[in-house]
Amino acid sequence: MKKGILSIFIAVIGMYFLYWYTIDLSRQYFILIESSKNTSELNPYIFTVAKTFRITSVCIGLLSLYFGVISFLKKNKVGSIGIILAFILIISSLIPFWKYLVEDATIDINLK
C-alpha cells in the first residue's frame, strides 16, 4: 500500500508542476509578445523551455505510473488510483494549455 500512496503523491506533485509551468509559460509568452511587437521574430527560449518542462512532467508521470503498477500487481486498490492519475498527468502534459491562456489574456475588454 505504501507504493500506491507514493504513486498518488508523485502524480499530485506532477499535476502541481504542470499547473506551475503552464502559468509560468503563459506569462513568459505574454511578456515576449508585448516586448516584440515591432519585430517579426520571437525568442526561441519559450519553445525550448516548454519542451524541457513537458519532458520533465512526462517523466514524473511515468514514475508515478511505475509505482502504481507495482502497487496494483500486489493487489492493492490504491494502485489503480495512482495509475489513473499518472495517465491523466501524462496526457495533460502533452496538451499545450499555456497557448489557450495566452489567447484568453490578449482579448481586449475595453469595448470603446
PDB file of N, CA and C in Angstrom:
ATOM      1  N   MET A   1       0.811  -1.189   0.000  1.00  0.00           N
ATOM      2  CA  MET A   1       0.000   0.000   0.000  1.00  0.00           C
ATOM      3  C   MET A   1       0.859   1.259   0.000  1.00  0.00           C
ATOM      4  N   LYS A   2       2.051   1.174   0.463  1.00  0.00           N
ATOM      5  CA  LYS A   2       2.910   2.352   0.504  1.00  0.00           C
ATOM      6  C   LYS A   2       3.284   2.824  -0.899  1.00  0.00           C
ATOM      7  N   LYS A   3       3.495   1.895  -1.813  1.00  0.00           N
ATOM      8  CA  LYS A   3       3.846   2.296  -3.177  1.00  0.00           C
ATOM      9  C   LYS A   3       2.658   2.923  -3.895  1.00  0.00           C
ATOM     10  N   GLY A   4       1.456   2.502  -3.568  1.00  0.00           N
ATOM     11  CA  GLY A   4       0.264   3.105  -4.149  1.00  0.00           C
ATOM     12  C   GLY A   4       0.086   4.541  -3.694  1.00  0.00           C
ATOM     13  N   ILE A   5       0.295   4.774  -2.402  1.00  0.00           N
ATOM     14  CA  ILE A   5       0.205   6.136  -1.882  1.00  0.00           C
ATOM     15  C   ILE A   5       1.330   6.992  -2.444  1.00  0.00           C
ATOM     16  N   LEU A   6       2.510   6.409  -2.599  1.00  0.00           N
ATOM     17  CA  LEU A   6       3.625   7.127  -3.211  1.00  0.00           C
ATOM     18  C   LEU A   6       3.299   7.487  -4.663  1.00  0.00           C
ATOM     19  N   SER A   7       2.629   6.599  -5.373  1.00  0.00           N
ATOM     20  CA  SER A   7       2.232   6.871  -6.749  1.00  0.00           C
ATOM     21  C   SER A   7       1.252   8.039  -6.816  1.00  0.00           C
ATOM     22  N   ILE A   8       0.282   8.054  -5.919  1.00  0.00           N
ATOM     23  CA  ILE A   8      -0.679   9.161  -5.878  1.00  0.00           C
ATOM     24  C   ILE A   8       0.023  10.459  -5.520  1.00  0.00           C
ATOM     25  N   PHE A   9       0.917  10.415  -4.556  1.00  0.00           N
ATOM     26  CA  PHE A   9       1.648  11.602  -4.130  1.00  0.00           C
ATOM     27  C   PHE A   9       2.509  12.164  -5.268  1.00  0.00           C
ATOM     28  N   ILE A  10       3.206  11.304  -5.990  1.00  0.00           N
ATOM     29  CA  ILE A  10       4.037  11.748  -7.111  1.00  0.00           C
ATOM     30  C   ILE A  10       3.162  12.329  -8.221  1.00  0.00           C
ATOM     31  N   ALA A  11       2.002  11.725  -8.475  1.00  0.00           N
ATOM     32  CA  ALA A  11       1.098  12.246  -9.509  1.00  0.00           C
ATOM     33  C   ALA A  11       0.556  13.618  -9.123  1.00  0.00           C
ATOM     34  N   VAL A  12       0.252  13.816  -7.855  1.00  0.00           N
ATOM     35  CA  VAL A  12      -0.235  15.127  -7.406  1.00  0.00           C
ATOM     36  C   VAL A  12       0.878  16.176  -7.521  1.00  0.00           C
ATOM     37  N   ILE A  13       2.098  15.810  -7.181  1.00  0.00           N
ATOM     38  CA  ILE A  13       3.231  16.725  -7.359  1.00  0.00           C
ATOM     39  C   ILE A  13       3.418  17.044  -8.839  1.00  0.00           C
ATOM     40  N   GLY A  14       3.274  16.051  -9.698  1.00  0.00           N
ATOM     41  CA  GLY A  14       3.380  16.271 -11.139  1.00  0.00           C
ATOM     42  C   GLY A  14       2.284  17.185 -11.670  1.00  0.00           C
ATOM     43  N   MET A  15       1.079  17.054 -11.141  1.00  0.00           N
ATOM     44  CA  MET A  15      -0.003  17.939 -11.577  1.00  0.00           C
ATOM     45  C   MET A  15       0.225  19.371 -11.108  1.00  0.00           C
ATOM     46  N   TYR A  16       0.783  19.524  -9.913  1.00  0.00           N
ATOM     47  CA  TYR A  16       1.133  20.867  -9.456  1.00  0.00           C
ATOM     48  C   TYR A  16       2.238  21.455 -10.334  1.00  0.00           C
ATOM     49  N   PHE A  17       3.214  20.629 -10.687  1.00  0.00           N
ATOM     50  CA  PHE A  17       4.279  21.073 -11.585  1.00  0.00           C
ATOM     51  C   PHE A  17       3.704  21.477 -12.934  1.00  0.00           C
ATOM     52  N   LEU A  18       2.756  20.712 -13.450  1.00  0.00           N
ATOM     53  CA  LEU A  18       2.092  21.028 -14.717  1.00  0.00           C
ATOM     54  C   LEU A  18       1.363  22.362 -14.626  1.00  0.00           C
ATOM     55  N   TYR A  19       0.647  22.577 -13.538  1.00  0.00           N
ATOM     56  CA  TYR A  19      -0.047  23.851 -13.319  1.00  0.00           C
ATOM     57  C   TYR A  19       0.948  25.004 -13.243  1.00  0.00           C
ATOM     58  N   TRP A  20       2.016  24.795 -12.493  1.00  0.00           N
ATOM     59  CA  TRP A  20       3.010  25.846 -12.296  1.00  0.00           C
ATOM     60  C   TRP A  20       3.669  26.234 -13.623  1.00  0.00           C
ATOM     61  N   TYR A  21       4.094  25.256 -14.409  1.00  0.00           N
ATOM     62  CA  TYR A  21       4.788  25.628 -15.634  1.00  0.00           C
ATOM     63  C   TYR A  21       3.828  26.144 -16.703  1.00  0.00           C
ATOM     64  N   THR A  22       2.555  25.757 -16.659  1.00  0.00           N
ATOM     65  CA  THR A  22       1.587  26.318 -17.592  1.00  0.00           C
ATOM     66  C   THR A  22       1.388  27.805 -17.331  1.00  0.00           C
ATOM     67  N   ILE A  23       1.230  28.159 -16.075  1.00  0.00           N
ATOM     68  CA  ILE A  23       1.077  29.570 -15.716  1.00  0.00           C
ATOM     69  C   ILE A  23       2.353  30.340 -16.032  1.00  0.00           C
ATOM     70  N   ASP A  24       3.509  29.780 -15.732  1.00  0.00           N
ATOM     71  CA  ASP A  24       4.785  30.453 -15.991  1.00  0.00           C
ATOM     72  C   ASP A  24       5.019  30.653 -17.484  1.00  0.00           C
ATOM     73  N   LEU A  25       4.737  29.647 -18.291  1.00  0.00           N
ATOM     74  CA  LEU A  25       4.947  29.777 -19.730  1.00  0.00           C
ATOM     75  C   LEU A  25       3.987  30.778 -20.357  1.00  0.00           C
ATOM     76  N   SER A  26       2.760  30.828 -19.858  1.00  0.00           N
ATOM     77  CA  SER A  26       1.831  31.810 -20.410  1.00  0.00           C
ATOM     78  C   SER A  26       2.277  33.227 -20.068  1.00  0.00           C
ATOM     79  N   ARG A  27       2.817  33.441 -18.874  1.00  0.00           N
ATOM     80  CA  ARG A  27       3.345  34.761 -18.520  1.00  0.00           C
ATOM     81  C   ARG A  27       4.552  35.122 -19.370  1.00  0.00           C
ATOM     82  N   GLN A  28       5.477  34.181 -19.539  1.00  0.00           N
ATOM     83  CA  GLN A  28       6.671  34.439 -20.341  1.00  0.00           C
ATOM     84  C   GLN A  28       6.302  34.726 -21.796  1.00  0.00           C
ATOM     85  N   TYR A  29       5.361  33.976 -22.328  1.00  0.00           N
ATOM     86  CA  TYR A  29       4.957  34.174 -23.709  1.00  0.00           C
ATOM     87  C   TYR A  29       4.275  35.524 -23.872  1.00  0.00           C
ATOM     88  N   PHE A  30       3.463  35.913 -22.913  1.00  0.00           N
ATOM     89  CA  PHE A  30       2.790  37.204 -22.978  1.00  0.00           C
ATOM     90  C   PHE A  30       3.808  38.344 -22.911  1.00  0.00           C
ATOM     91  N   ILE A  31       4.823  38.208 -22.083  1.00  0.00           N
ATOM     92  CA  ILE A  31       5.882  39.218 -21.995  1.00  0.00           C
ATOM     93  C   ILE A  31       6.657  39.285 -23.307  1.00  0.00           C
ATOM     94  N   LEU A  32       6.945  38.134 -23.917  1.00  0.00           N
ATOM     95  CA  LEU A  32       7.662  38.129 -25.191  1.00  0.00           C
ATOM     96  C   LEU A  32       6.844  38.776 -26.296  1.00  0.00           C
ATOM     97  N   ILE A  33       5.548  38.539 -26.306  1.00  0.00           N
ATOM     98  CA  ILE A  33       4.687  39.147 -27.322  1.00  0.00           C
ATOM     99  C   ILE A  33       4.650  40.659 -27.147  1.00  0.00           C
ATOM    100  N   GLU A  34       4.530  41.105 -25.910  1.00  0.00           N
ATOM    101  CA  GLU A  34       4.468  42.543 -25.655  1.00  0.00           C
ATOM    102  C   GLU A  34       5.788  43.238 -25.989  1.00  0.00           C
ATOM    103  N   SER A  35       6.909  42.587 -25.727  1.00  0.00           N
ATOM    104  CA  SER A  35       8.202  43.219 -25.971  1.00  0.00           C
ATOM    105  C   SER A  35       8.622  43.153 -27.438  1.00  0.00           C
ATOM    106  N   SER A  36       8.036  42.271 -28.210  1.00  0.00           N
ATOM    107  CA  SER A  36       8.458  42.120 -29.603  1.00  0.00           C
ATOM    108  C   SER A  36       7.352  42.495 -30.584  1.00  0.00           C
ATOM    109  N   LYS A  37       6.567  43.499 -30.273  1.00  0.00           N
ATOM    110  CA  LYS A  37       5.508  43.909 -31.197  1.00  0.00           C
ATOM    111  C   LYS A  37       6.071  44.525 -32.471  1.00  0.00           C
ATOM    112  N   ASN A  38       7.230  45.156 -32.373  1.00  0.00           N
ATOM    113  CA  ASN A  38       7.817  45.802 -33.542  1.00  0.00           C
ATOM    114  C   ASN A  38       8.635  44.845 -34.387  1.00  0.00           C
ATOM    115  N   THR A  39       8.997  43.706 -33.848  1.00  0.00           N
ATOM    116  CA  THR A  39       9.784  42.738 -34.610  1.00  0.00           C
ATOM    117  C   THR A  39       8.913  41.559 -34.999  1.00  0.00           C
ATOM    118  N   SER A  40       9.330  40.857 -36.024  1.00  0.00           N
ATOM    119  CA  SER A  40       8.545  39.718 -36.501  1.00  0.00           C
ATOM    120  C   SER A  40       9.065  38.396 -35.938  1.00  0.00           C
ATOM    121  N   GLU A  41      10.203  38.410 -35.227  1.00  0.00           N
ATOM    122  CA  GLU A  41      10.780  37.189 -34.702  1.00  0.00           C
ATOM    123  C   GLU A  41      10.488  37.069 -33.207  1.00  0.00           C
ATOM    124  N   LEU A  42      10.227  35.853 -32.784  1.00  0.00           N
ATOM    125  CA  LEU A  42      10.055  35.570 -31.367  1.00  0.00           C
ATOM    126  C   LEU A  42      11.296  34.879 -30.842  1.00  0.00           C
ATOM    127  N   ASN A  43      11.542  35.067 -29.587  1.00  0.00           N
ATOM    128  CA  ASN A  43      12.668  34.425 -28.940  1.00  0.00           C
ATOM    129  C   ASN A  43      12.395  32.920 -28.818  1.00  0.00           C
ATOM    130  N   PRO A  44      13.323  32.064 -29.252  1.00  0.00           N
ATOM    131  CA  PRO A  44      13.071  30.617 -29.176  1.00  0.00           C
ATOM    132  C   PRO A  44      13.165  30.069 -27.759  1.00  0.00           C
ATOM    133  N   TYR A  45      13.468  30.915 -26.779  1.00  0.00           N
ATOM    134  CA  TYR A  45      13.576  30.488 -25.388  1.00  0.00           C
ATOM    135  C   TYR A  45      12.288  29.833 -24.904  1.00  0.00           C
ATOM    136  N   ILE A  46      11.171  30.418 -25.250  1.00  0.00           N
ATOM    137  CA  ILE A  46       9.888  29.929 -24.751  1.00  0.00           C
ATOM    138  C   ILE A  46       9.594  28.518 -25.244  1.00  0.00           C
ATOM    139  N   PHE A  47      10.011  28.198 -26.455  1.00  0.00           N
ATOM    140  CA  PHE A  47       9.701  26.890 -27.012  1.00  0.00           C
ATOM    141  C   PHE A  47      10.627  25.808 -26.465  1.00  0.00           C
ATOM    142  N   THR A  48      11.898  26.136 -26.209  1.00  0.00           N
ATOM    143  CA  THR A  48      12.802  25.139 -25.629  1.00  0.00           C
ATOM    144  C   THR A  48      12.457  24.871 -24.179  1.00  0.00           C
ATOM    145  N   VAL A  49      12.055  25.899 -23.455  1.00  0.00           N
ATOM    146  CA  VAL A  49      11.658  25.702 -22.063  1.00  0.00           C
ATOM    147  C   VAL A  49      10.388  24.861 -22.000  1.00  0.00           C
ATOM    148  N   ALA A  50       9.460  25.088 -22.905  1.00  0.00           N
ATOM    149  CA  ALA A  50       8.221  24.314 -22.921  1.00  0.00           C
ATOM    150  C   ALA A  50       8.501  22.836 -23.165  1.00  0.00           C
ATOM    151  N   LYS A  51       9.430  22.542 -24.068  1.00  0.00           N
ATOM    152  CA  LYS A  51       9.764  21.141 -24.333  1.00  0.00           C
ATOM    153  C   LYS A  51      10.448  20.496 -23.136  1.00  0.00           C
ATOM    154  N   THR A  52      11.319  21.238 -22.465  1.00  0.00           N
ATOM    155  CA  THR A  52      12.004  20.706 -21.287  1.00  0.00           C
ATOM    156  C   THR A  52      11.009  20.414 -20.172  1.00  0.00           C
ATOM    157  N   PHE A  53      10.091  21.325 -19.918  1.00  0.00           N
ATOM    158  CA  PHE A  53       9.083  21.107 -18.892  1.00  0.00           C
ATOM    159  C   PHE A  53       8.153  19.961 -19.263  1.00  0.00           C
ATOM    160  N   ARG A  54       7.844  19.827 -20.543  1.00  0.00           N
ATOM    161  CA  ARG A  54       6.984  18.728 -20.989  1.00  0.00           C
ATOM    162  C   ARG A  54       7.663  17.387 -20.743  1.00  0.00           C
ATOM    163  N   ILE A  55       8.938  17.295 -21.069  1.00  0.00           N
ATOM    164  CA  ILE A  55       9.675  16.047 -20.845  1.00  0.00           C
ATOM    165  C   ILE A  55       9.751  15.733 -19.357  1.00  0.00           C
ATOM    166  N   THR A  56       9.958  16.763 -18.528  1.00  0.00           N
ATOM    167  CA  THR A  56      10.034  16.558 -17.088  1.00  0.00           C
ATOM    168  C   THR A  56       8.707  16.063 -16.532  1.00  0.00           C
ATOM    169  N   SER A  57       7.605  16.645 -16.966  1.00  0.00           N
ATOM    170  CA  SER A  57       6.304  16.211 -16.444  1.00  0.00           C
ATOM    171  C   SER A  57       5.935  14.816 -16.936  1.00  0.00           C
ATOM    172  N   VAL A  58       6.338  14.448 -18.143  1.00  0.00           N
ATOM    173  CA  VAL A  58       6.099  13.076 -18.616  1.00  0.00           C
ATOM    174  C   VAL A  58       6.921  12.090 -17.791  1.00  0.00           C
ATOM    175  N   CYS A  59       8.152  12.455 -17.447  1.00  0.00           N
ATOM    176  CA  CYS A  59       8.981  11.581 -16.604  1.00  0.00           C
ATOM    177  C   CYS A  59       8.384  11.409 -15.210  1.00  0.00           C
ATOM    178  N   ILE A  60       7.846  12.483 -14.648  1.00  0.00           N
ATOM    179  CA  ILE A  60       7.182  12.384 -13.349  1.00  0.00           C
ATOM    180  C   ILE A  60       5.953  11.478 -13.465  1.00  0.00           C
ATOM    181  N   GLY A  61       5.212  11.604 -14.547  1.00  0.00           N
ATOM    182  CA  GLY A  61       4.053  10.741 -14.772  1.00  0.00           C
ATOM    183  C   GLY A  61       4.440   9.280 -14.941  1.00  0.00           C
ATOM    184  N   LEU A  62       5.532   9.029 -15.629  1.00  0.00           N
ATOM    185  CA  LEU A  62       5.987   7.645 -15.801  1.00  0.00           C
ATOM    186  C   LEU A  62       6.452   7.040 -14.484  1.00  0.00           C
ATOM    187  N   LEU A  63       7.083   7.857 -13.627  1.00  0.00           N
ATOM    188  CA  LEU A  63       7.489   7.375 -12.314  1.00  0.00           C
ATOM    189  C   LEU A  63       6.266   7.036 -11.463  1.00  0.00           C
ATOM    190  N   SER A  64       5.261   7.879 -11.530  1.00  0.00           N
ATOM    191  CA  SER A  64       4.023   7.599 -10.813  1.00  0.00           C
ATOM    192  C   SER A  64       3.344   6.348 -11.365  1.00  0.00           C
ATOM    193  N   LEU A  65       3.362   6.189 -12.670  1.00  0.00           N
ATOM    194  CA  LEU A  65       2.785   5.003 -13.290  1.00  0.00           C
ATOM    195  C   LEU A  65       3.518   3.743 -12.851  1.00  0.00           C
ATOM    196  N   TYR A  66       4.824   3.820 -12.750  1.00  0.00           N
ATOM    197  CA  TYR A  66       5.638   2.681 -12.312  1.00  0.00           C
ATOM    198  C   TYR A  66       5.247   2.231 -10.907  1.00  0.00           C
ATOM    199  N   PHE A  67       5.171   3.187  -9.978  1.00  0.00           N
ATOM    200  CA  PHE A  67       4.807   2.825  -8.615  1.00  0.00           C
ATOM    201  C   PHE A  67       3.352   2.361  -8.531  1.00  0.00           C
ATOM    202  N   GLY A  68       2.486   2.913  -9.352  1.00  0.00           N
ATOM    203  CA  GLY A  68       1.101   2.464  -9.377  1.00  0.00           C
ATOM    204  C   GLY A  68       0.959   1.041  -9.871  1.00  0.00           C
ATOM    205  N   VAL A  69       1.709   0.688 -10.905  1.00  0.00           N
ATOM    206  CA  VAL A  69       1.653  -0.681 -11.436  1.00  0.00           C
ATOM    207  C   VAL A  69       2.214  -1.669 -10.422  1.00  0.00           C
ATOM    208  N   ILE A  70       3.305  -1.307  -9.746  1.00  0.00           N
ATOM    209  CA  ILE A  70       3.859  -2.199  -8.719  1.00  0.00           C
ATOM    210  C   ILE A  70       2.838  -2.423  -7.612  1.00  0.00           C
ATOM    211  N   SER A  71       2.173  -1.361  -7.193  1.00  0.00           N
ATOM    212  CA  SER A  71       1.167  -1.484  -6.143  1.00  0.00           C
ATOM    213  C   SER A  71      -0.038  -2.290  -6.624  1.00  0.00           C
ATOM    214  N   PHE A  72      -0.446  -2.094  -7.866  1.00  0.00           N
ATOM    215  CA  PHE A  72      -1.584  -2.819  -8.410  1.00  0.00           C
ATOM    216  C   PHE A  72      -1.290  -4.315  -8.532  1.00  0.00           C
ATOM    217  N   LEU A  73      -0.049  -4.637  -8.891  1.00  0.00           N
ATOM    218  CA  LEU A  73       0.327  -6.051  -9.000  1.00  0.00           C
ATOM    219  C   LEU A  73       0.375  -6.734  -7.638  1.00  0.00           C
ATOM    220  N   LYS A  74       0.531  -5.962  -6.576  1.00  0.00           N
ATOM    221  CA  LYS A  74       0.491  -6.518  -5.220  1.00  0.00           C
ATOM    222  C   LYS A  74      -0.929  -6.546  -4.663  1.00  0.00           C
ATOM    223  N   LYS A  75      -1.915  -6.397  -5.542  1.00  0.00           N
ATOM    224  CA  LYS A  75      -3.344  -6.496  -5.213  1.00  0.00           C
ATOM    225  C   LYS A  75      -3.829  -5.362  -4.302  1.00  0.00           C
ATOM    226  N   ASN A  76      -3.258  -4.167  -4.454  1.00  0.00           N
ATOM    227  CA  ASN A  76      -3.741  -3.002  -3.712  1.00  0.00           C
ATOM    228  C   ASN A  76      -4.613  -2.160  -4.632  1.00  0.00           C
ATOM    229  N   LYS A  77      -5.779  -1.772  -4.155  1.00  0.00           N
ATOM    230  CA  LYS A  77      -6.695  -0.977  -4.960  1.00  0.00           C
ATOM    231  C   LYS A  77      -6.232   0.475  -5.081  1.00  0.00           C
ATOM    232  N   VAL A  78      -5.383   0.898  -4.184  1.00  0.00           N
ATOM    233  CA  VAL A  78      -4.874   2.270  -4.230  1.00  0.00           C
ATOM    234  C   VAL A  78      -3.992   2.466  -5.461  1.00  0.00           C
ATOM    235  N   GLY A  79      -3.371   1.400  -5.913  1.00  0.00           N
ATOM    236  CA  GLY A  79      -2.517   1.476  -7.097  1.00  0.00           C
ATOM    237  C   GLY A  79      -3.281   1.857  -8.354  1.00  0.00           C
ATOM    238  N   SER A  80      -4.545   1.451  -8.439  1.00  0.00           N
ATOM    239  CA  SER A  80      -5.336   1.805  -9.621  1.00  0.00           C
ATOM    240  C   SER A  80      -5.611   3.308  -9.670  1.00  0.00           C
ATOM    241  N   ILE A  81      -5.788   3.937  -8.511  1.00  0.00           N
ATOM    242  CA  ILE A  81      -5.969   5.387  -8.474  1.00  0.00           C
ATOM    243  C   ILE A  81      -4.685   6.078  -8.933  1.00  0.00           C
ATOM    244  N   GLY A  82      -3.548   5.566  -8.490  1.00  0.00           N
ATOM    245  CA  GLY A  82      -2.259   6.117  -8.925  1.00  0.00           C
ATOM    246  C   GLY A  82      -2.045   5.963 -10.420  1.00  0.00           C
ATOM    247  N   ILE A  83      -2.472   4.844 -10.988  1.00  0.00           N
ATOM    248  CA  ILE A  83      -2.337   4.616 -12.430  1.00  0.00           C
ATOM    249  C   ILE A  83      -3.211   5.598 -13.201  1.00  0.00           C
ATOM    250  N   ILE A  84      -4.443   5.797 -12.744  1.00  0.00           N
ATOM    251  CA  ILE A  84      -5.352   6.730 -13.417  1.00  0.00           C
ATOM    252  C   ILE A  84      -4.806   8.155 -13.360  1.00  0.00           C
ATOM    253  N   LEU A  85      -4.317   8.559 -12.190  1.00  0.00           N
ATOM    254  CA  LEU A  85      -3.741   9.902 -12.064  1.00  0.00           C
ATOM    255  C   LEU A  85      -2.489  10.060 -12.918  1.00  0.00           C
ATOM    256  N   ALA A  86      -1.693   9.010 -13.027  1.00  0.00           N
ATOM    257  CA  ALA A  86      -0.492   9.071 -13.864  1.00  0.00           C
ATOM    258  C   ALA A  86      -0.855   9.239 -15.335  1.00  0.00           C
ATOM    259  N   PHE A  87      -1.870   8.524 -15.792  1.00  0.00           N
ATOM    260  CA  PHE A  87      -2.309   8.684 -17.181  1.00  0.00           C
ATOM    261  C   PHE A  87      -2.863  10.076 -17.436  1.00  0.00           C
ATOM    262  N   ILE A  88      -3.615  10.606 -16.492  1.00  0.00           N
ATOM    263  CA  ILE A  88      -4.131  11.977 -16.638  1.00  0.00           C
ATOM    264  C   ILE A  88      -2.977  12.966 -16.707  1.00  0.00           C
ATOM    265  N   LEU A  89      -1.963  12.758 -15.882  1.00  0.00           N
ATOM    266  CA  LEU A  89      -0.791  13.650 -15.893  1.00  0.00           C
ATOM    267  C   LEU A  89      -0.044  13.573 -17.212  1.00  0.00           C
ATOM    268  N   ILE A  90       0.178  12.382 -17.710  1.00  0.00           N
ATOM    269  CA  ILE A  90       0.922  12.222 -18.966  1.00  0.00           C
ATOM    270  C   ILE A  90       0.158  12.842 -20.133  1.00  0.00           C
ATOM    271  N   ILE A  91      -1.124  12.592 -20.202  1.00  0.00           N
ATOM    272  CA  ILE A  91      -1.923  13.164 -21.297  1.00  0.00           C
ATOM    273  C   ILE A  91      -2.005  14.671 -21.174  1.00  0.00           C
ATOM    274  N   SER A  92      -2.167  15.176 -19.960  1.00  0.00           N
ATOM    275  CA  SER A  92      -2.255  16.626 -19.759  1.00  0.00           C
ATOM    276  C   SER A  92      -0.943  17.335 -20.061  1.00  0.00           C
ATOM    277  N   SER A  93       0.164  16.660 -19.858  1.00  0.00           N
ATOM    278  CA  SER A  93       1.441  17.316 -20.137  1.00  0.00           C
ATOM    279  C   SER A  93       1.707  17.423 -21.635  1.00  0.00           C
ATOM    280  N   LEU A  94       1.025  16.634 -22.445  1.00  0.00           N
ATOM    281  CA  LEU A  94       1.218  16.703 -23.888  1.00  0.00           C
ATOM    282  C   LEU A  94       0.321  17.742 -24.559  1.00  0.00           C
ATOM    283  N   ILE A  95      -0.641  18.283 -23.822  1.00  0.00           N
ATOM    284  CA  ILE A  95      -1.532  19.312 -24.353  1.00  0.00           C
ATOM    285  C   ILE A  95      -0.982  20.674 -23.964  1.00  0.00           C
ATOM    286  N   PRO A  96      -0.752  21.567 -24.914  1.00  0.00           N
ATOM    287  CA  PRO A  96      -0.183  22.886 -24.574  1.00  0.00           C
ATOM    288  C   PRO A  96      -1.243  23.849 -24.041  1.00  0.00           C
ATOM    289  N   PHE A  97      -1.548  23.757 -22.754  1.00  0.00           N
ATOM    290  CA  PHE A  97      -2.573  24.607 -22.152  1.00  0.00           C
ATOM    291  C   PHE A  97      -2.161  26.076 -22.119  1.00  0.00           C
ATOM    292  N   TRP A  98      -0.865  26.360 -22.094  1.00  0.00           N
ATOM    293  CA  TRP A  98      -0.413  27.749 -21.957  1.00  0.00           C
ATOM    294  C   TRP A  98      -0.798  28.574 -23.178  1.00  0.00           C
ATOM    295  N   LYS A  99      -0.956  27.951 -24.335  1.00  0.00           N
ATOM    296  CA  LYS A  99      -1.369  28.702 -25.525  1.00  0.00           C
ATOM    297  C   LYS A  99      -2.799  29.212 -25.374  1.00  0.00           C
ATOM    298  N   TYR A 100      -3.643  28.419 -24.742  1.00  0.00           N
ATOM    299  CA  TYR A 100      -5.028  28.846 -24.537  1.00  0.00           C
ATOM    300  C   TYR A 100      -5.119  29.961 -23.503  1.00  0.00           C
ATOM    301  N   LEU A 101      -4.250  29.929 -22.509  1.00  0.00           N
ATOM    302  CA  LEU A 101      -4.234  31.001 -21.517  1.00  0.00           C
ATOM    303  C   LEU A 101      -3.778  32.312 -22.132  1.00  0.00           C
ATOM    304  N   VAL A 102      -2.823  32.248 -23.056  1.00  0.00           N
ATOM    305  CA  VAL A 102      -2.339  33.460 -23.717  1.00  0.00           C
ATOM    306  C   VAL A 102      -3.419  34.024 -24.619  1.00  0.00           C
ATOM    307  N   GLU A 103      -4.159  33.178 -25.320  1.00  0.00           N
ATOM    308  CA  GLU A 103      -5.233  33.662 -26.185  1.00  0.00           C
ATOM    309  C   GLU A 103      -6.316  34.362 -25.374  1.00  0.00           C
ATOM    310  N   ASP A 104      -6.627  33.842 -24.203  1.00  0.00           N
ATOM    311  CA  ASP A 104      -7.632  34.481 -23.356  1.00  0.00           C
ATOM    312  C   ASP A 104      -7.130  35.795 -22.780  1.00  0.00           C
ATOM    313  N   ALA A 105      -5.820  35.900 -22.547  1.00  0.00           N
ATOM    314  CA  ALA A 105      -5.269  37.105 -21.946  1.00  0.00           C
ATOM    315  C   ALA A 105      -5.161  38.244 -22.940  1.00  0.00           C
ATOM    316  N   THR A 106      -5.130  37.941 -24.223  1.00  0.00           N
ATOM    317  CA  THR A 106      -4.963  39.010 -25.225  1.00  0.00           C
ATOM    318  C   THR A 106      -6.281  39.580 -25.702  1.00  0.00           C
ATOM    319  N   ILE A 107      -7.388  39.113 -25.190  1.00  0.00           N
ATOM    320  CA  ILE A 107      -8.689  39.646 -25.580  1.00  0.00           C
ATOM    321  C   ILE A 107      -8.824  41.043 -24.987  1.00  0.00           C
ATOM    322  N   ASP A 108      -9.202  42.002 -25.813  1.00  0.00           N
ATOM    323  CA  ASP A 108      -9.365  43.381 -25.361  1.00  0.00           C
ATOM    324  C   ASP A 108     -10.734  43.532 -24.730  1.00  0.00           C
ATOM    325  N   ILE A 109     -10.754  43.883 -23.452  1.00  0.00           N
ATOM    326  CA  ILE A 109     -12.037  44.034 -22.760  1.00  0.00           C
ATOM    327  C   ILE A 109     -12.500  45.485 -22.742  1.00  0.00           C
ATOM    328  N   ASN A 110     -11.709  46.402 -23.270  1.00  0.00           N
ATOM    329  CA  ASN A 110     -12.105  47.813 -23.327  1.00  0.00           C
ATOM    330  C   ASN A 110     -12.915  48.038 -24.596  1.00  0.00           C
ATOM    331  N   LEU A 111     -14.180  47.828 -24.511  1.00  0.00           N
ATOM    332  CA  LEU A 111     -15.052  47.941 -25.678  1.00  0.00           C
ATOM    333  C   LEU A 111     -15.455  49.403 -25.868  1.00  0.00           C
ATOM    334  N   LYS A 112     -14.689  50.134 -26.648  1.00  0.00           N
ATOM    335  CA  LYS A 112     -14.971  51.553 -26.885  1.00  0.00           C
ATOM    336  C   LYS A 112     -15.514  51.743 -28.272  1.00  0.00           C
TER     337      LYS A 112
END
